[in-house]
Amino acid sequence: MAPESTEISRAIEAHYALWWTDEMKAAILADVGPEGLALIEEISSFANDPDIWIYGSTQQSYEDVQALLRQKYDFLSDASVSRIASAAAYGWK
């Protein structure tokens, strides 16, 4: 059974850090199962798309990523969007 959208946001808010770790993956997997983990990995990959980050300033790209996440994954909470975008920005600094 696929996790509900609120469960995805809660898992991101509770466990998503600045970079992927085995512990983070295990905690997300425990909360939302393999389908939820795969979706969060997809969201992370989307937020880290080089085409977003290499052409603009870090601040502008951060804002663009937040807007794009809200469009594509409109079920995400504001806190989870912020956490994903912050991790992506950290990775591109």
Protein backbone atom coordinates (compact mmCIF):
# COMPACT_ATOMS: atom_id res chain seq x y z
CA MET A 1 0.00 0.00 0.00
CA ALA A 2 1.34 3.42 -0.94
CA PRO A 3 1.93 5.87 1.90
CA GLU A 4 -0.36 8.86 2.23
CA SER A 5 0.95 12.27 1.26
CA THR A 6 0.91 13.47 4.86
CA GLU A 7 3.10 10.51 5.82
CA ILE A 8 5.62 11.52 3.16
CA SER A 9 5.81 15.07 4.52
CA ARG A 10 6.10 13.80 8.10
CA ALA A 11 8.92 11.43 7.15
CA ILE A 12 10.80 14.24 5.38
CA GLU A 13 10.30 16.60 8.31
CA ALA A 14 11.40 13.99 10.83
CA HIS A 15 14.32 12.34 9.06
CA TYR A 16 15.54 14.14 5.95
CA ALA A 17 18.96 15.64 6.57
CA LEU A 18 21.46 17.62 4.52
CA TRP A 19 22.71 14.44 2.82
CA TRP A 20 21.61 10.83 2.55
CA THR A 21 22.79 8.47 5.26
CA ASP A 22 22.03 4.82 5.89
CA GLU A 23 20.34 5.80 9.15
CA MET A 24 18.13 8.36 7.42
CA LYS A 25 17.10 5.87 4.75
CA ALA A 26 16.33 3.24 7.38
CA ALA A 27 14.18 5.67 9.39
CA ILE A 28 12.28 6.82 6.29
CA LEU A 29 11.82 3.21 5.19
CA ALA A 30 10.41 2.32 8.62
CA ASP A 31 7.95 5.23 8.43
CA VAL A 32 6.74 5.03 4.82
CA GLY A 33 7.96 1.74 3.36
CA PRO A 34 9.81 1.14 0.11
CA GLU A 35 7.34 3.07 -2.07
CA GLY A 36 7.57 6.11 0.20
CA LEU A 37 11.36 5.95 0.29
CA ALA A 38 11.44 5.73 -3.50
CA LEU A 39 9.16 8.77 -3.77
CA ILE A 40 11.32 10.79 -1.37
CA GLU A 41 14.42 9.80 -3.34
CA GLU A 42 12.63 10.96 -6.51
CA ILE A 43 11.74 14.28 -4.85
CA SER A 44 15.33 14.71 -3.70
CA SER A 45 16.68 13.96 -7.16
CA PHE A 46 14.26 16.47 -8.68
CA ALA A 47 15.39 19.17 -6.21
CA ASN A 48 19.04 18.46 -7.02
CA ASP A 49 18.67 18.76 -10.79
CA PRO A 50 21.90 20.47 -11.97
CA ASP A 51 20.01 22.52 -14.54
CA ILE A 52 18.33 24.38 -11.68
CA TRP A 53 21.50 25.06 -9.73
CA ILE A 54 24.30 25.83 -12.16
CA TYR A 55 22.85 28.88 -13.90
CA GLY A 56 21.61 31.08 -11.06
CA SER A 57 22.67 32.27 -7.66
CA THR A 58 22.23 29.90 -4.77
CA GLN A 59 19.43 32.06 -3.35
CA GLN A 60 17.56 32.25 -6.65
CA SER A 61 17.97 28.53 -7.28
CA TYR A 62 16.76 27.80 -3.73
CA GLU A 63 13.63 29.83 -4.37
CA ASP A 64 13.15 28.21 -7.78
CA VAL A 65 13.44 24.72 -6.27
CA GLN A 66 10.83 25.55 -3.65
CA ALA A 67 8.43 26.79 -6.34
CA LEU A 68 9.06 23.77 -8.54
CA LEU A 69 8.57 21.36 -5.65
CA ARG A 70 5.27 23.02 -4.77
CA GLN A 71 4.12 22.67 -8.38
CA LYS A 72 5.19 19.08 -8.99
CA TYR A 73 4.61 17.68 -5.50
CA ASP A 74 1.74 19.85 -4.31
CA PHE A 75 0.99 17.50 -1.42
CA LEU A 76 4.23 18.39 0.39
CA SER A 77 4.03 20.53 3.51
CA ASP A 78 5.86 23.86 3.63
CA ALA A 79 8.30 22.41 6.15
CA SER A 80 9.15 19.43 3.96
CA VAL A 81 9.61 21.65 0.88
CA SER A 82 11.93 23.86 2.89
CA ARG A 83 13.91 20.89 4.19
CA ILE A 84 14.36 19.35 0.73
CA ALA A 85 15.31 22.71 -0.84
CA SER A 86 17.73 23.51 1.99
CA ALA A 87 19.48 20.17 1.58
CA ALA A 88 19.76 20.71 -2.16
CA ALA A 89 21.16 24.22 -1.64
CA TYR A 90 23.67 22.89 0.88
CA GLY A 91 24.80 20.28 -1.62
CA TRP A 92 25.31 22.88 -4.33
CA LYS A 93 27.19 25.43 -2.26
